[in-house]
Amino acid sequence: MTAEEIGQLLTESTPLPARAGVSAAPLSPFAEPAPRLLSVVVCTRDRPELLKRCLVGITEAIGHLGGVDHEVIVVDNSPSDYETHRAVAAVVGVRHLLEPVAGLDVARNGALRAATGDMVAFTDDDAVAFTDDDAVVDRWWAVALMEAWSANPDADVITGSVLPYELETGARVLFEKWGGFTNRFQPVRYQDLPAAHAWLDICGCGSGCNMSVLRTVAVDMGRFDENLDTGPPLPGGGDLDLFYWVRRRGTLMYDPSVAVHHQHRRTMEQLRRQYRSWGTTWMTCVMHGADRRRAPAGRRGSRLSNGSGGSLAVSGCPTLSGCSL
C-alpha cells in the first residue's frame, strides 16, 4: 500500500493553527545531496533477525546516495548474547558498537560519541516492552534525508514520516486512524516557539525512529537525557525532550518525504499499553522541564542560548525514581 493510498484511508488532518514559530513549508525541489558526512545509527537490543532486515533496507537506501560520505553504526545495547554482533559482522561496512549499560538514550549518546558525521540519523530497532515493533527505512530514505538537509541548512533537527509496515489487524488500522506517529503529508517548520506552545503538538512533529540531528547541536545541548527511555515506567521520552528543546531554541523541520515503515502493535491490549506509556512519558517530560538544559556554546550558540549566558532554569521535577537535574 502506497503512502497516497494510506493517506486516503485516514481522516483528513486538521490544518495547524496559526501561531508563532509554526509554518507550513513547501516541498523542496530536488537538490544535490549536501557534501557532508552522514552517520546512520541503529540502536538495538537482542533482536538480530529484525536488525538484519533493517540493515538490508539501510544498505539499499545508502546505495542511492552516490558519492556522499557515510557510515552506519549499530549500537548493541546491553546484549544477552553475541547474535547481534554476528549479524553486524555479516554486513560489510557496518560498525558494531557495544554499549553495556541498558537504556535507549544511553545507546544514542554512545553513538554520538562514536559518530564522525556532521548529521546523525537515528532509526530504532529496539522496543522495550514489545517484540513486534521495528522500523524499516524506505529505499529512498537516505536521498530524501540529504535533500532535506540541503534545502534546510539552518535546521538543527530533521524528522520524517513514519508509515505503517502493514495494516492487517484492527489495532494497527485504529492506530493510524487516530493519528499514528504522524499522519501529516505536508512539511512543517518549527522555529523559536514560545514556551506556551512548545509542548503543543509535540508528538506530531516526528519520532525517534526517524530523526536526524546535527551532531554539534546534540553535543552542545547535553546529548540525550539518560533518565528517559529506561523501560517501564518511562519507556520513552528522549526524542520528545530533544524536540521540545530544539523547537524552543532552534529549528526543527518535519519533511514527510523522509520515510520509514513501522510495524505497529498487533493487538488492542498492546495498543492500550502503548498509549498509556506515551501519556506517562509525555507528562514526565513536561514536569521534568526541558529548559534544564544548558545553553549550547557551539553552532549558532547566540541564537540557541537563553539570552543570559547561563544555564536555563528548571521549573520543577516529578517525584520519580531516577529523575535528577
C-alpha atoms as a PDB file:
ATOM      1  CA  MET A   1       0.000   0.000   0.000  1.00  0.00           C
ATOM      2  CA  THR A   2       1.422   3.358  -1.030  1.00  0.00           C
ATOM      3  CA  ALA A   3       1.623   6.471   1.132  1.00  0.00           C
ATOM      4  CA  GLU A   4      -1.070   8.081  -1.031  1.00  0.00           C
ATOM      5  CA  GLU A   5      -3.435   5.135  -0.506  1.00  0.00           C
ATOM      6  CA  ILE A   6      -2.807   5.192   3.234  1.00  0.00           C
ATOM      7  CA  GLY A   7      -3.477   8.917   3.300  1.00  0.00           C
ATOM      8  CA  GLN A   8      -6.857   8.384   1.608  1.00  0.00           C
ATOM      9  CA  LEU A   9      -7.858   5.892   4.290  1.00  0.00           C
ATOM     10  CA  LEU A  10      -7.162   8.300   7.083  1.00  0.00           C
ATOM     11  CA  THR A  11      -9.234  11.183   8.315  1.00  0.00           C
ATOM     12  CA  GLU A  12      -8.173  14.483   6.832  1.00  0.00           C
ATOM     13  CA  SER A  13      -5.596  16.152   9.071  1.00  0.00           C
ATOM     14  CA  THR A  14      -6.732  19.383  10.693  1.00  0.00           C
ATOM     15  CA  PRO A  15      -4.536  22.282   9.485  1.00  0.00           C
ATOM     16  CA  LEU A  16      -2.108  23.614  12.050  1.00  0.00           C
ATOM     17  CA  PRO A  17      -3.459  26.700  13.811  1.00  0.00           C
ATOM     18  CA  ALA A  18      -1.597  29.867  13.017  1.00  0.00           C
ATOM     19  CA  ARG A  19       0.775  30.553  15.854  1.00  0.00           C
ATOM     20  CA  ALA A  20       4.249  31.922  16.330  1.00  0.00           C
ATOM     21  CA  GLY A  21       7.044  29.708  15.132  1.00  0.00           C
ATOM     22  CA  VAL A  22       4.979  27.167  13.167  1.00  0.00           C
ATOM     23  CA  SER A  23       4.663  27.340   9.419  1.00  0.00           C
ATOM     24  CA  ALA A  24       3.783  25.029   6.574  1.00  0.00           C
ATOM     25  CA  ALA A  25       6.750  24.618   4.249  1.00  0.00           C
ATOM     26  CA  PRO A  26       6.534  23.698   0.559  1.00  0.00           C
ATOM     27  CA  LEU A  27       8.208  20.512  -0.564  1.00  0.00           C
ATOM     28  CA  SER A  28      11.652  21.472  -1.742  1.00  0.00           C
ATOM     29  CA  PRO A  29      12.736  20.832  -5.334  1.00  0.00           C
ATOM     30  CA  PHE A  30      15.281  18.055  -5.713  1.00  0.00           C
ATOM     31  CA  ALA A  31      18.750  19.229  -4.825  1.00  0.00           C
ATOM     32  CA  GLU A  32      22.128  17.557  -4.973  1.00  0.00           C
ATOM     33  CA  PRO A  33      22.938  15.845  -1.644  1.00  0.00           C
ATOM     34  CA  ALA A  34      24.910  18.062   0.707  1.00  0.00           C
ATOM     35  CA  PRO A  35      28.626  17.176   0.661  1.00  0.00           C
ATOM     36  CA  ARG A  36      28.732  16.376   4.370  1.00  0.00           C
ATOM     37  CA  LEU A  37      29.257  13.096   6.171  1.00  0.00           C
ATOM     38  CA  LEU A  38      26.150  11.248   7.291  1.00  0.00           C
ATOM     39  CA  SER A  39      26.196   8.856  10.247  1.00  0.00           C
ATOM     40  CA  VAL A  40      23.283   6.385  10.299  1.00  0.00           C
ATOM     41  CA  VAL A  41      22.642   4.835  13.719  1.00  0.00           C
ATOM     42  CA  VAL A  42      20.528   1.820  14.673  1.00  0.00           C
ATOM     43  CA  CYS A  43      20.092   1.184  18.403  1.00  0.00           C
ATOM     44  CA  THR A  44      19.084  -2.410  19.091  1.00  0.00           C
ATOM     45  CA  ARG A  45      18.873  -4.979  21.848  1.00  0.00           C
ATOM     46  CA  ASP A  46      18.698  -8.755  21.350  1.00  0.00           C
ATOM     47  CA  ARG A  47      16.764  -8.670  18.081  1.00  0.00           C
ATOM     48  CA  PRO A  48      19.199  -9.923  15.430  1.00  0.00           C
ATOM     49  CA  GLU A  49      16.551 -11.050  12.922  1.00  0.00           C
ATOM     50  CA  LEU A  50      14.820  -7.673  12.894  1.00  0.00           C
ATOM     51  CA  LEU A  51      18.196  -5.953  12.740  1.00  0.00           C
ATOM     52  CA  LYS A  52      19.148  -7.947   9.645  1.00  0.00           C
ATOM     53  CA  ARG A  53      16.010  -6.742   7.859  1.00  0.00           C
ATOM     54  CA  CYS A  54      16.654  -3.160   8.937  1.00  0.00           C
ATOM     55  CA  LEU A  55      20.258  -3.269   7.701  1.00  0.00           C
ATOM     56  CA  VAL A  56      19.116  -4.601   4.315  1.00  0.00           C
ATOM     57  CA  GLY A  57      16.896  -1.541   3.940  1.00  0.00           C
ATOM     58  CA  ILE A  58      19.593   0.867   5.119  1.00  0.00           C
ATOM     59  CA  THR A  59      22.157  -0.660   2.767  1.00  0.00           C
ATOM     60  CA  GLU A  60      19.804  -0.218  -0.191  1.00  0.00           C
ATOM     61  CA  ALA A  61      18.926   3.335   0.817  1.00  0.00           C
ATOM     62  CA  ILE A  62      22.572   4.302   1.301  1.00  0.00           C
ATOM     63  CA  GLY A  63      23.389   2.828  -2.098  1.00  0.00           C
ATOM     64  CA  HIS A  64      21.316   5.558  -3.774  1.00  0.00           C
ATOM     65  CA  LEU A  65      23.466   8.319  -2.278  1.00  0.00           C
ATOM     66  CA  GLY A  66      26.237   8.052  -4.824  1.00  0.00           C
ATOM     67  CA  GLY A  67      29.389   9.763  -3.622  1.00  0.00           C
ATOM     68  CA  VAL A  68      28.113  11.106  -0.295  1.00  0.00           C
ATOM     69  CA  ASP A  69      30.395  10.016   2.540  1.00  0.00           C
ATOM     70  CA  HIS A  70      28.593   7.998   5.179  1.00  0.00           C
ATOM     71  CA  GLU A  71      28.932   5.477   7.972  1.00  0.00           C
ATOM     72  CA  VAL A  72      26.496   3.022   9.554  1.00  0.00           C
ATOM     73  CA  ILE A  73      26.737   2.288  13.283  1.00  0.00           C
ATOM     74  CA  VAL A  74      24.815  -0.395  15.167  1.00  0.00           C
ATOM     75  CA  VAL A  75      24.705   0.165  18.926  1.00  0.00           C
ATOM     76  CA  ASP A  76      24.390  -3.218  20.655  1.00  0.00           C
ATOM     77  CA  ASN A  77      22.698  -2.171  23.887  1.00  0.00           C
ATOM     78  CA  SER A  78      23.215  -4.428  26.917  1.00  0.00           C
ATOM     79  CA  PRO A  79      23.102  -7.680  24.900  1.00  0.00           C
ATOM     80  CA  SER A  80      22.471 -11.090  26.448  1.00  0.00           C
ATOM     81  CA  ASP A  81      24.394 -12.937  23.715  1.00  0.00           C
ATOM     82  CA  TYR A  82      26.618 -12.422  20.653  1.00  0.00           C
ATOM     83  CA  GLU A  83      23.917 -12.749  17.997  1.00  0.00           C
ATOM     84  CA  THR A  84      23.712  -9.017  17.255  1.00  0.00           C
ATOM     85  CA  HIS A  85      27.495  -8.861  16.878  1.00  0.00           C
ATOM     86  CA  ARG A  86      27.351 -11.753  14.417  1.00  0.00           C
ATOM     87  CA  ALA A  87      24.549 -10.101  12.449  1.00  0.00           C
ATOM     88  CA  VAL A  88      26.556  -6.876  12.121  1.00  0.00           C
ATOM     89  CA  ALA A  89      29.744  -8.714  11.176  1.00  0.00           C
ATOM     90  CA  ALA A  90      27.908 -10.264   8.222  1.00  0.00           C
ATOM     91  CA  VAL A  91      27.246  -6.829   6.658  1.00  0.00           C
ATOM     92  CA  VAL A  92      30.197  -5.116   5.009  1.00  0.00           C
ATOM     93  CA  GLY A  93      30.866  -1.553   6.122  1.00  0.00           C
ATOM     94  CA  VAL A  94      28.734  -1.521   9.287  1.00  0.00           C
ATOM     95  CA  ARG A  95      30.365  -0.635  12.599  1.00  0.00           C
ATOM     96  CA  HIS A  96      29.460  -2.530  15.759  1.00  0.00           C
ATOM     97  CA  LEU A  97      29.407  -0.520  18.995  1.00  0.00           C
ATOM     98  CA  LEU A  98      28.869  -2.316  22.290  1.00  0.00           C
ATOM     99  CA  GLU A  99      27.072  -0.292  24.965  1.00  0.00           C
ATOM    100  CA  PRO A 100      26.855  -2.420  28.136  1.00  0.00           C
ATOM    101  CA  VAL A 101      24.592  -0.026  30.057  1.00  0.00           C
ATOM    102  CA  ALA A 102      20.898  -0.568  29.233  1.00  0.00           C
ATOM    103  CA  GLY A 103      18.823   2.367  28.014  1.00  0.00           C
ATOM    104  CA  LEU A 104      17.919   3.734  24.600  1.00  0.00           C
ATOM    105  CA  ASP A 105      19.265   7.213  25.355  1.00  0.00           C
ATOM    106  CA  VAL A 106      22.452   5.711  26.762  1.00  0.00           C
ATOM    107  CA  ALA A 107      22.828   3.929  23.423  1.00  0.00           C
ATOM    108  CA  ARG A 108      22.077   7.116  21.484  1.00  0.00           C
ATOM    109  CA  ASN A 109      24.689   9.034  23.459  1.00  0.00           C
ATOM    110  CA  GLY A 110      27.231   6.293  22.822  1.00  0.00           C
ATOM    111  CA  ALA A 111      26.535   6.691  19.119  1.00  0.00           C
ATOM    112  CA  LEU A 112      27.007  10.474  19.332  1.00  0.00           C
ATOM    113  CA  ARG A 113      30.417   9.938  20.919  1.00  0.00           C
ATOM    114  CA  ALA A 114      31.448   7.410  18.269  1.00  0.00           C
ATOM    115  CA  ALA A 115      29.955   9.116  15.203  1.00  0.00           C
ATOM    116  CA  THR A 116      32.079  11.235  12.891  1.00  0.00           C
ATOM    117  CA  GLY A 117      29.261  12.576  10.721  1.00  0.00           C
ATOM    118  CA  ASP A 118      28.002  16.138  10.614  1.00  0.00           C
ATOM    119  CA  MET A 119      24.451  14.754  10.680  1.00  0.00           C
ATOM    120  CA  VAL A 120      23.496  11.757  12.805  1.00  0.00           C
ATOM    121  CA  ALA A 121      20.346   9.941  11.658  1.00  0.00           C
ATOM    122  CA  PHE A 122      18.644   7.572  14.111  1.00  0.00           C
ATOM    123  CA  THR A 123      16.319   4.740  13.251  1.00  0.00           C
ATOM    124  CA  ASP A 124      15.132   2.465  16.016  1.00  0.00           C
ATOM    125  CA  ASP A 125      15.308  -1.317  16.108  1.00  0.00           C
ATOM    126  CA  ASP A 126      14.770  -1.697  19.838  1.00  0.00           C
ATOM    127  CA  ALA A 127      11.440  -1.871  21.676  1.00  0.00           C
ATOM    128  CA  VAL A 128      11.469  -2.160  25.449  1.00  0.00           C
ATOM    129  CA  ALA A 129       8.059  -3.682  26.094  1.00  0.00           C
ATOM    130  CA  PHE A 130       7.056  -5.350  22.852  1.00  0.00           C
ATOM    131  CA  THR A 131       8.691  -7.814  20.478  1.00  0.00           C
ATOM    132  CA  ASP A 132       6.886  -6.879  17.227  1.00  0.00           C
ATOM    133  CA  ASP A 133       7.964  -3.241  16.914  1.00  0.00           C
ATOM    134  CA  ASP A 134      10.558  -2.212  14.349  1.00  0.00           C
ATOM    135  CA  ALA A 135      11.373   0.429  11.793  1.00  0.00           C
ATOM    136  CA  VAL A 136      12.286  -0.325   8.186  1.00  0.00           C
ATOM    137  CA  VAL A 137      13.678   2.517   6.084  1.00  0.00           C
ATOM    138  CA  ASP A 138      12.255   3.367   2.689  1.00  0.00           C
ATOM    139  CA  ARG A 139      14.610   2.723  -0.234  1.00  0.00           C
ATOM    140  CA  TRP A 140      14.795   6.474  -0.977  1.00  0.00           C
ATOM    141  CA  TRP A 141      15.079   7.487   2.687  1.00  0.00           C
ATOM    142  CA  ALA A 142      18.757   8.497   2.565  1.00  0.00           C
ATOM    143  CA  VAL A 143      18.360  10.552  -0.627  1.00  0.00           C
ATOM    144  CA  ALA A 144      15.304  12.344   0.775  1.00  0.00           C
ATOM    145  CA  LEU A 145      17.139  12.993   4.037  1.00  0.00           C
ATOM    146  CA  MET A 146      20.172  14.561   2.377  1.00  0.00           C
ATOM    147  CA  GLU A 147      17.879  16.594   0.116  1.00  0.00           C
ATOM    148  CA  ALA A 148      16.068  17.882   3.214  1.00  0.00           C
ATOM    149  CA  TRP A 149      19.359  18.925   4.829  1.00  0.00           C
ATOM    150  CA  SER A 150      20.423  20.660   1.604  1.00  0.00           C
ATOM    151  CA  ALA A 151      17.125  22.543   1.409  1.00  0.00           C
ATOM    152  CA  ASN A 152      17.155  23.490   5.112  1.00  0.00           C
ATOM    153  CA  PRO A 153      20.749  24.417   6.016  1.00  0.00           C
ATOM    154  CA  ASP A 154      19.565  26.284   9.131  1.00  0.00           C
ATOM    155  CA  ALA A 155      17.857  23.226  10.635  1.00  0.00           C
ATOM    156  CA  ASP A 156      19.054  21.644  13.873  1.00  0.00           C
ATOM    157  CA  VAL A 157      16.843  18.541  13.638  1.00  0.00           C
ATOM    158  CA  ILE A 158      15.049  16.975  10.674  1.00  0.00           C
ATOM    159  CA  THR A 159      12.317  14.389  11.207  1.00  0.00           C
ATOM    160  CA  GLY A 160      10.254  12.418   8.717  1.00  0.00           C
ATOM    161  CA  SER A 161       7.103  10.385   8.313  1.00  0.00           C
ATOM    162  CA  VAL A 162       6.560   7.003   9.955  1.00  0.00           C
ATOM    163  CA  LEU A 163       4.276   4.905   7.757  1.00  0.00           C
ATOM    164  CA  PRO A 164       2.740   1.543   8.657  1.00  0.00           C
ATOM    165  CA  TYR A 165       4.668  -1.538   7.608  1.00  0.00           C
ATOM    166  CA  GLU A 166       1.412  -3.495   7.442  1.00  0.00           C
ATOM    167  CA  LEU A 167      -2.260  -2.965   8.337  1.00  0.00           C
ATOM    168  CA  GLU A 168      -3.638  -6.462   8.783  1.00  0.00           C
ATOM    169  CA  THR A 169      -5.153  -6.049  12.284  1.00  0.00           C
ATOM    170  CA  GLY A 170      -7.811  -3.748  13.681  1.00  0.00           C
ATOM    171  CA  ALA A 171      -5.408  -2.321  16.265  1.00  0.00           C
ATOM    172  CA  ARG A 172      -2.953  -1.238  13.578  1.00  0.00           C
ATOM    173  CA  VAL A 173      -5.679   0.365  11.468  1.00  0.00           C
ATOM    174  CA  LEU A 174      -7.047   2.219  14.502  1.00  0.00           C
ATOM    175  CA  PHE A 175      -3.567   3.427  15.444  1.00  0.00           C
ATOM    176  CA  GLU A 176      -3.220   5.048  12.025  1.00  0.00           C
ATOM    177  CA  LYS A 177      -6.789   6.400  12.075  1.00  0.00           C
ATOM    178  CA  TRP A 178      -6.142   8.012  15.457  1.00  0.00           C
ATOM    179  CA  GLY A 179      -3.023   9.746  14.156  1.00  0.00           C
ATOM    180  CA  GLY A 180      -0.268   7.121  14.247  1.00  0.00           C
ATOM    181  CA  PHE A 181       3.157   8.597  14.778  1.00  0.00           C
ATOM    182  CA  THR A 182       2.162  11.417  12.461  1.00  0.00           C
ATOM    183  CA  ASN A 183      -0.248  11.383   9.547  1.00  0.00           C
ATOM    184  CA  ARG A 184       0.828  14.687   8.037  1.00  0.00           C
ATOM    185  CA  PHE A 185       1.790  14.725   4.393  1.00  0.00           C
ATOM    186  CA  GLN A 186       2.930  18.346   4.246  1.00  0.00           C
ATOM    187  CA  PRO A 187       6.305  19.610   5.512  1.00  0.00           C
ATOM    188  CA  VAL A 188       6.230  21.815   8.613  1.00  0.00           C
ATOM    189  CA  ARG A 189       8.913  24.051  10.124  1.00  0.00           C
ATOM    190  CA  TYR A 190       9.028  24.690  13.889  1.00  0.00           C
ATOM    191  CA  GLN A 191      11.252  27.556  14.968  1.00  0.00           C
ATOM    192  CA  ASP A 192      11.780  29.570  18.156  1.00  0.00           C
ATOM    193  CA  LEU A 193       8.408  28.651  19.657  1.00  0.00           C
ATOM    194  CA  PRO A 194       7.290  30.401  22.847  1.00  0.00           C
ATOM    195  CA  ALA A 195       7.197  28.201  25.921  1.00  0.00           C
ATOM    196  CA  ALA A 196       3.401  28.103  25.965  1.00  0.00           C
ATOM    197  CA  HIS A 197       3.372  26.454  22.520  1.00  0.00           C
ATOM    198  CA  ALA A 198       6.477  24.257  22.606  1.00  0.00           C
ATOM    199  CA  TRP A 199       4.716  21.209  24.082  1.00  0.00           C
ATOM    200  CA  LEU A 200       1.611  21.576  21.909  1.00  0.00           C
ATOM    201  CA  ASP A 201       1.549  19.079  19.055  1.00  0.00           C
ATOM    202  CA  ILE A 202       4.954  17.761  20.173  1.00  0.00           C
ATOM    203  CA  CYS A 203       4.068  14.195  19.160  1.00  0.00           C
ATOM    204  CA  GLY A 204       3.068  15.366  15.686  1.00  0.00           C
ATOM    205  CA  CYS A 205       6.450  16.718  14.662  1.00  0.00           C
ATOM    206  CA  GLY A 206       8.299  13.427  14.388  1.00  0.00           C
ATOM    207  CA  SER A 207       9.502  10.302  16.159  1.00  0.00           C
ATOM    208  CA  GLY A 208      12.759   8.935  17.491  1.00  0.00           C
ATOM    209  CA  CYS A 209      12.726   6.102  14.969  1.00  0.00           C
ATOM    210  CA  ASN A 210      13.131   8.626  12.149  1.00  0.00           C
ATOM    211  CA  MET A 211      15.089  11.653  13.296  1.00  0.00           C
ATOM    212  CA  SER A 212      18.397  13.217  12.364  1.00  0.00           C
ATOM    213  CA  VAL A 213      20.283  15.853  14.302  1.00  0.00           C
ATOM    214  CA  LEU A 214      23.383  17.943  13.810  1.00  0.00           C
ATOM    215  CA  ARG A 215      25.972  16.256  15.976  1.00  0.00           C
ATOM    216  CA  THR A 216      27.387  19.548  17.254  1.00  0.00           C
ATOM    217  CA  VAL A 217      23.928  20.708  18.343  1.00  0.00           C
ATOM    218  CA  ALA A 218      23.196  17.427  20.158  1.00  0.00           C
ATOM    219  CA  VAL A 219      26.528  17.560  21.973  1.00  0.00           C
ATOM    220  CA  ASP A 220      26.240  21.245  22.856  1.00  0.00           C
ATOM    221  CA  MET A 221      22.794  20.804  24.367  1.00  0.00           C
ATOM    222  CA  GLY A 222      23.988  17.996  26.634  1.00  0.00           C
ATOM    223  CA  ARG A 223      23.079  14.981  24.471  1.00  0.00           C
ATOM    224  CA  PHE A 224      20.029  12.804  25.210  1.00  0.00           C
ATOM    225  CA  ASP A 225      18.621  12.658  28.742  1.00  0.00           C
ATOM    226  CA  GLU A 226      19.536   9.212  30.071  1.00  0.00           C
ATOM    227  CA  ASN A 227      16.820   9.410  32.736  1.00  0.00           C
ATOM    228  CA  LEU A 228      14.337   8.783  29.900  1.00  0.00           C
ATOM    229  CA  ASP A 229      13.800   5.715  27.682  1.00  0.00           C
ATOM    230  CA  THR A 230      14.760   3.377  30.519  1.00  0.00           C
ATOM    231  CA  GLY A 231      11.888   0.906  30.208  1.00  0.00           C
ATOM    232  CA  PRO A 232       8.823   0.806  32.474  1.00  0.00           C
ATOM    233  CA  PRO A 233       7.656   3.146  33.905  1.00  0.00           C
ATOM    234  CA  LEU A 234       9.405   5.516  31.450  1.00  0.00           C
ATOM    235  CA  PRO A 235       9.805   3.608  28.159  1.00  0.00           C
ATOM    236  CA  GLY A 236      10.195   6.762  26.058  1.00  0.00           C
ATOM    237  CA  GLY A 237      10.733  10.499  26.106  1.00  0.00           C
ATOM    238  CA  GLY A 238      14.241  11.060  24.798  1.00  0.00           C
ATOM    239  CA  ASP A 239      13.012  12.138  21.394  1.00  0.00           C
ATOM    240  CA  LEU A 240      10.284  14.416  22.833  1.00  0.00           C
ATOM    241  CA  ASP A 241      12.829  16.055  25.126  1.00  0.00           C
ATOM    242  CA  LEU A 242      15.067  16.782  22.134  1.00  0.00           C
ATOM    243  CA  PHE A 243      12.178  18.064  20.010  1.00  0.00           C
ATOM    244  CA  TYR A 244      10.920  20.367  22.750  1.00  0.00           C
ATOM    245  CA  TRP A 245      14.296  21.968  23.321  1.00  0.00           C
ATOM    246  CA  VAL A 246      15.005  22.469  19.624  1.00  0.00           C
ATOM    247  CA  ARG A 247      11.508  23.881  18.992  1.00  0.00           C
ATOM    248  CA  ARG A 248      12.139  26.398  21.789  1.00  0.00           C
ATOM    249  CA  ARG A 249      15.658  27.475  20.848  1.00  0.00           C
ATOM    250  CA  GLY A 250      16.281  26.438  17.254  1.00  0.00           C
ATOM    251  CA  THR A 251      14.736  24.923  14.131  1.00  0.00           C
ATOM    252  CA  LEU A 252      13.056  21.552  13.668  1.00  0.00           C
ATOM    253  CA  MET A 253      11.979  20.607  10.155  1.00  0.00           C
ATOM    254  CA  TYR A 254       9.438  17.844   9.523  1.00  0.00           C
ATOM    255  CA  ASP A 255       9.669  16.508   5.965  1.00  0.00           C
ATOM    256  CA  PRO A 256       7.264  13.648   5.112  1.00  0.00           C
ATOM    257  CA  SER A 257       9.354  12.540   2.120  1.00  0.00           C
ATOM    258  CA  VAL A 258      11.939  11.221   4.605  1.00  0.00           C
ATOM    259  CA  ALA A 259      10.052   7.999   5.329  1.00  0.00           C
ATOM    260  CA  VAL A 260      10.421   4.817   7.337  1.00  0.00           C
ATOM    261  CA  HIS A 261       7.919   1.978   7.735  1.00  0.00           C
ATOM    262  CA  HIS A 262       6.957   0.849  11.212  1.00  0.00           C
ATOM    263  CA  GLN A 263       5.354  -2.388  12.387  1.00  0.00           C
ATOM    264  CA  HIS A 264       2.690  -1.212  14.825  1.00  0.00           C
ATOM    265  CA  ARG A 265       1.253  -3.007  17.859  1.00  0.00           C
ATOM    266  CA  ARG A 266      -0.719  -6.021  16.747  1.00  0.00           C
ATOM    267  CA  THR A 267      -3.424  -6.271  19.450  1.00  0.00           C
ATOM    268  CA  MET A 268      -5.709  -3.804  21.196  1.00  0.00           C
ATOM    269  CA  GLU A 269      -4.124  -4.637  24.556  1.00  0.00           C
ATOM    270  CA  GLN A 270      -0.677  -3.790  23.197  1.00  0.00           C
ATOM    271  CA  LEU A 271      -2.070  -0.576  21.739  1.00  0.00           C
ATOM    272  CA  ARG A 272      -3.655   0.411  25.070  1.00  0.00           C
ATOM    273  CA  ARG A 273      -0.342  -0.190  26.828  1.00  0.00           C
ATOM    274  CA  GLN A 274       1.443   1.919  24.233  1.00  0.00           C
ATOM    275  CA  TYR A 275      -0.912   4.874  24.655  1.00  0.00           C
ATOM    276  CA  ARG A 276      -0.695   4.583  28.447  1.00  0.00           C
ATOM    277  CA  SER A 277       3.101   4.647  28.335  1.00  0.00           C
ATOM    278  CA  TRP A 278       3.055   7.581  25.915  1.00  0.00           C
ATOM    279  CA  GLY A 279       0.853   9.573  28.296  1.00  0.00           C
ATOM    280  CA  THR A 280       3.129   8.843  31.246  1.00  0.00           C
ATOM    281  CA  THR A 281       6.211   9.741  29.237  1.00  0.00           C
ATOM    282  CA  TRP A 282       4.759  12.975  27.864  1.00  0.00           C
ATOM    283  CA  MET A 283       3.666  14.229  31.281  1.00  0.00           C
ATOM    284  CA  THR A 284       7.038  13.314  32.803  1.00  0.00           C
ATOM    285  CA  CYS A 285       8.813  15.342  30.139  1.00  0.00           C
ATOM    286  CA  VAL A 286       6.535  18.336  30.788  1.00  0.00           C
ATOM    287  CA  MET A 287       7.080  18.181  34.545  1.00  0.00           C
ATOM    288  CA  HIS A 288      10.768  17.375  34.244  1.00  0.00           C
ATOM    289  CA  GLY A 289      11.345  20.675  32.466  1.00  0.00           C
ATOM    290  CA  ALA A 290      13.324  20.549  29.233  1.00  0.00           C
ATOM    291  CA  ASP A 291      14.645  24.058  29.997  1.00  0.00           C
ATOM    292  CA  ARG A 292      17.052  22.466  32.459  1.00  0.00           C
ATOM    293  CA  ARG A 293      19.467  22.102  29.538  1.00  0.00           C
ATOM    294  CA  ARG A 294      22.419  24.446  29.402  1.00  0.00           C
ATOM    295  CA  ALA A 295      22.772  26.912  26.559  1.00  0.00           C
ATOM    296  CA  PRO A 296      24.945  25.424  23.778  1.00  0.00           C
ATOM    297  CA  ALA A 297      28.301  27.003  23.084  1.00  0.00           C
ATOM    298  CA  GLY A 298      28.709  25.794  19.512  1.00  0.00           C
ATOM    299  CA  ARG A 299      26.832  26.291  16.259  1.00  0.00           C
ATOM    300  CA  ARG A 300      24.512  29.316  16.407  1.00  0.00           C
ATOM    301  CA  GLY A 301      25.051  29.392  20.153  1.00  0.00           C
ATOM    302  CA  SER A 302      23.940  33.004  20.488  1.00  0.00           C
ATOM    303  CA  ARG A 303      20.527  32.224  18.979  1.00  0.00           C
ATOM    304  CA  LEU A 304      20.098  28.963  20.869  1.00  0.00           C
ATOM    305  CA  SER A 305      21.026  30.389  24.257  1.00  0.00           C
ATOM    306  CA  ASN A 306      18.706  31.606  26.978  1.00  0.00           C
ATOM    307  CA  GLY A 307      19.901  35.149  26.462  1.00  0.00           C
ATOM    308  CA  SER A 308      21.756  35.422  29.746  1.00  0.00           C
ATOM    309  CA  GLY A 309      24.779  33.249  29.015  1.00  0.00           C
ATOM    310  CA  GLY A 310      23.967  30.945  31.907  1.00  0.00           C
ATOM    311  CA  SER A 311      22.139  27.717  32.493  1.00  0.00           C
ATOM    312  CA  LEU A 312      18.438  27.539  31.777  1.00  0.00           C
ATOM    313  CA  ALA A 313      16.157  27.460  34.788  1.00  0.00           C
ATOM    314  CA  VAL A 314      14.223  24.398  35.924  1.00  0.00           C
ATOM    315  CA  SER A 315      10.625  24.879  36.953  1.00  0.00           C
ATOM    316  CA  GLY A 316      10.215  21.522  38.678  1.00  0.00           C
ATOM    317  CA  CYS A 317      10.710  17.793  38.579  1.00  0.00           C
ATOM    318  CA  PRO A 318       8.267  14.990  39.401  1.00  0.00           C
ATOM    319  CA  THR A 319       8.968  12.600  42.211  1.00  0.00           C
ATOM    320  CA  LEU A 320      10.050   9.672  40.065  1.00  0.00           C
ATOM    321  CA  SER A 321      12.813   7.151  40.544  1.00  0.00           C
ATOM    322  CA  GLY A 322      15.864   8.120  38.511  1.00  0.00           C
ATOM    323  CA  CYS A 323      14.754  11.694  37.868  1.00  0.00           C
ATOM    324  CA  SER A 324      17.588  14.093  38.559  1.00  0.00           C
ATOM    325  CA  LEU A 325      18.528  17.580  37.469  1.00  0.00           C
END
